[in-house]
Each structure stands twice: as C-alpha cells, then as structure tokens.
Amino acid sequence: MTMRRAFHGTPVNRLIVSVPLPDVEAVDSLLSTRGGKHPANGCRAEFIRLAIAEKLSRDLMIKAVPKRGP
C-alpha cells in the first residue's frame, strides 16, 4: 500500500536506512495485526517517520529538563 504524505511546503529529504530483518518483520507484524488502526496504516515508511518524530520529541524533552545535583 502506498501513501503520499502532504508536508504542506515543508522541505523534505529522503532517508534510506538498513534495518535488521527481525526488526522489519516485527514492524510488519505490528502493522498487519492492528487491522488498519495503526497511525502508519500499513506503511513502513510512515511507521519509521512517526518513530523518528517520537524519539526526537522524547530526547529533546529530556535534554530540556535541568539536571539535578550539587
């Protein structure tokens, strides 16, 4: 299933990644067992885009929290 994302004028760059086969199979399994209810809707590329956005959000939030200490 292909999906054309609309980035509404935001510049985009293509990212090609190599992923171990068990990870790809786990993603495929997750996307197929959700019956179209996953936000990626069966699209591996969209799953990866969402995962990157989520990871960046978490890491930036952690970075913004002041360190406690002496």
Protein backbone atom coordinates (compact mmCIF):
# COMPACT_ATOMS: atom_id res chain seq x y z
CA MET A 1 0.00 0.00 0.00
CA THR A 2 1.45 3.36 -0.97
CA MET A 3 0.72 6.62 0.75
CA ARG A 4 1.53 10.13 -0.45
CA ARG A 5 2.21 12.36 2.51
CA ALA A 6 1.47 16.04 2.27
CA PHE A 7 4.17 18.04 4.01
CA HIS A 8 2.46 21.36 3.19
CA GLY A 9 5.54 23.07 1.78
CA THR A 10 7.94 21.85 4.47
CA PRO A 11 11.27 20.89 2.89
CA VAL A 12 11.82 17.13 2.93
CA ASN A 13 14.83 14.88 2.44
CA ARG A 14 14.83 11.18 1.65
CA LEU A 15 16.43 8.93 4.25
CA ILE A 16 17.43 5.37 3.41
CA VAL A 17 18.16 3.06 6.33
CA SER A 18 19.28 -0.52 6.75
CA VAL A 19 17.38 -2.44 9.40
CA PRO A 20 17.89 -6.00 10.64
CA LEU A 21 15.32 -8.39 9.18
CA PRO A 22 13.81 -9.31 12.59
CA ASP A 23 13.03 -5.62 13.17
CA VAL A 24 11.36 -5.33 9.76
CA GLU A 25 9.33 -8.46 10.47
CA ALA A 26 8.28 -7.04 13.86
CA VAL A 27 7.12 -3.80 12.21
CA ASP A 28 5.23 -5.73 9.53
CA SER A 29 3.61 -7.91 12.18
CA LEU A 30 2.55 -4.89 14.21
CA LEU A 31 1.13 -3.07 11.21
CA SER A 32 -0.75 -6.13 9.91
CA THR A 33 -2.26 -7.18 13.26
CA ARG A 34 -3.74 -3.76 14.02
CA GLY A 35 -6.22 -4.05 11.15
CA GLY A 36 -5.54 -0.58 9.74
CA LYS A 37 -5.91 1.08 13.14
CA HIS A 38 -2.23 1.97 13.49
CA PRO A 39 -1.43 5.62 12.60
CA ALA A 40 1.02 4.35 9.95
CA ASN A 41 -1.86 2.41 8.36
CA GLY A 42 0.32 -0.40 7.00
CA CYS A 43 3.08 1.83 5.62
CA ARG A 44 6.61 1.03 6.83
CA ALA A 45 7.96 4.45 5.81
CA GLU A 46 5.24 6.23 7.77
CA PHE A 47 5.94 3.99 10.78
CA ILE A 48 9.62 4.97 10.66
CA ARG A 49 8.77 8.67 10.21
CA LEU A 50 6.50 8.54 13.27
CA ALA A 51 9.11 6.62 15.29
CA ILE A 52 11.79 9.20 14.48
CA ALA A 53 9.47 12.08 15.40
CA GLU A 54 8.53 10.40 18.69
CA LYS A 55 12.16 9.63 19.59
CA LEU A 56 13.27 13.19 18.79
CA SER A 57 10.44 14.59 20.89
CA ARG A 58 11.41 12.45 23.90
CA ASP A 59 15.13 13.16 23.60
CA LEU A 60 14.60 16.90 23.22
CA MET A 61 12.29 16.89 26.25
CA ILE A 62 14.91 15.04 28.33
CA LYS A 63 17.59 17.46 27.16
CA ALA A 64 15.44 20.45 28.21
CA VAL A 65 14.99 19.21 31.78
CA PRO A 66 17.61 20.80 34.06
CA LYS A 67 19.99 18.35 35.69
CA ARG A 68 19.66 17.95 39.44
CA GLY A 69 22.72 17.84 41.53
CA PRO A 70 25.11 19.72 43.77
